[in-house]
Protein backbone atom coordinates (compact mmCIF):
# COMPACT_ATOMS: atom_id res chain seq x y z
CA UNK A 1 172.23 -41.52 -5.77
CA UNK A 2 175.40 -40.53 -7.58
CA UNK A 3 175.84 -36.91 -8.50
CA UNK A 4 178.51 -34.94 -10.32
CA UNK A 5 178.95 -31.54 -8.88
CA UNK A 6 180.86 -28.59 -10.88
CA UNK A 7 183.10 -26.62 -8.75
CA UNK A 8 184.50 -23.12 -9.67
CA UNK A 9 187.63 -22.47 -7.74
CA UNK A 10 188.68 -18.71 -7.92
CA UNK A 11 191.96 -17.63 -6.77
CA UNK A 12 191.60 -14.70 -4.39
CA UNK A 13 193.66 -12.63 -1.83
CA UNK A 14 195.67 -14.84 0.52
CA UNK A 15 196.84 -14.22 4.14
CA UNK A 16 200.29 -12.60 3.78
CA UNK A 17 201.66 -13.55 7.25
CA UNK A 18 201.23 -16.08 9.97
CA UNK A 19 199.16 -14.09 12.50
CA UNK A 20 196.17 -12.64 10.58
CA UNK A 21 194.37 -16.01 10.34
CA UNK A 22 191.37 -14.85 12.59
CA UNK A 23 190.89 -11.75 10.48
CA UNK A 24 190.86 -13.77 7.21
CA UNK A 25 188.59 -16.34 8.55
CA UNK A 26 185.99 -13.76 9.62
CA UNK A 27 186.43 -11.76 6.57
CA UNK A 28 185.82 -14.86 4.27
CA UNK A 29 183.08 -16.26 6.32
CA UNK A 30 181.23 -12.83 5.98
CA UNK A 31 182.20 -12.82 2.30
CA UNK A 32 180.53 -16.18 1.65
CA UNK A 33 177.41 -14.94 3.36
CA UNK A 34 177.39 -11.83 1.13
CA UNK A 35 178.41 -13.43 -2.12
CA UNK A 36 181.75 -11.45 -2.48
CA UNK A 37 185.37 -11.67 -1.74
CA UNK A 38 187.20 -9.28 0.42
CA UNK A 39 190.22 -7.52 -1.24
CA UNK A 40 191.81 -4.75 0.80
CA UNK A 41 195.23 -4.23 2.44
CA UNK A 42 195.33 -6.10 5.72
CA UNK A 43 195.45 -2.95 7.83
CA UNK A 44 192.19 -1.72 6.23
CA UNK A 45 190.62 -5.09 7.05
CA UNK A 46 191.80 -4.92 10.50
CA UNK A 47 190.12 -1.27 10.84
CA UNK A 48 186.94 -2.54 9.17
CA UNK A 49 186.70 -5.56 11.65
CA UNK A 50 187.33 -3.31 14.59
CA UNK A 51 184.72 -0.92 13.47
CA UNK A 52 182.22 -3.72 13.13
CA UNK A 53 182.87 -5.15 16.50
CA UNK A 54 182.63 -1.61 18.12
CA UNK A 55 179.13 -1.13 16.63
CA UNK A 56 178.08 -4.59 17.18
CA UNK A 57 176.98 -4.86 13.52
CA UNK A 58 178.72 -6.72 10.91
CA UNK A 59 178.98 -5.36 7.47
CA UNK A 60 180.60 -6.80 4.24
CA UNK A 61 184.37 -5.95 3.96
CA UNK A 62 185.33 -3.61 1.35
CA UNK A 63 186.08 -4.99 -2.21
CA UNK A 64 187.85 -3.89 -5.28
CA UNK A 65 185.91 -4.04 -8.38
CA UNK A 66 187.80 -6.50 -10.73
CA UNK A 67 186.95 -8.93 -13.46
CA UNK A 68 188.10 -12.54 -12.85
CA UNK A 69 190.35 -13.53 -15.62
CA UNK A 70 190.56 -17.03 -16.92
CA UNK A 71 193.98 -17.55 -15.31
CA UNK A 72 192.48 -16.61 -11.93
CA UNK A 73 190.07 -19.37 -11.92
CA UNK A 74 189.76 -23.13 -12.53
CA UNK A 75 186.93 -25.66 -13.04
CA UNK A 76 186.77 -29.00 -11.39
CA UNK A 77 184.22 -31.81 -11.18
CA UNK A 78 183.61 -33.90 -7.97
CA UNK A 79 181.70 -36.92 -7.42
CA UNK A 80 179.24 -37.31 -4.68
CA UNK A 81 177.44 -40.25 -3.32
CA UNK A 82 174.30 -39.43 -1.39
CA UNK A 83 172.65 -42.12 0.72
CA UNK A 84 169.99 -42.15 3.40
CA UNK A 85 170.43 -44.37 6.49
CA UNK A 86 167.85 -46.96 7.02
CA UNK A 87 165.83 -46.87 10.47
């Protein structure tokens, strides 16, 4: 089966340094689960993650309300071939 998949790429906050990769990995993994994108200064993100780990309860990272402008997103299409192995 051959499918065409529509992909919406949204440009979001990026890691500003070479040592907060774990923080951003956790923040964006949780954001995907919650359907949002974290957008806070790194120091506040660190405090939020520290609080979650201390309380042993993960909560979504704080976000800023903003509209995504057309310049902040791009649409692409990708081709996918699906097949099932025979037994």
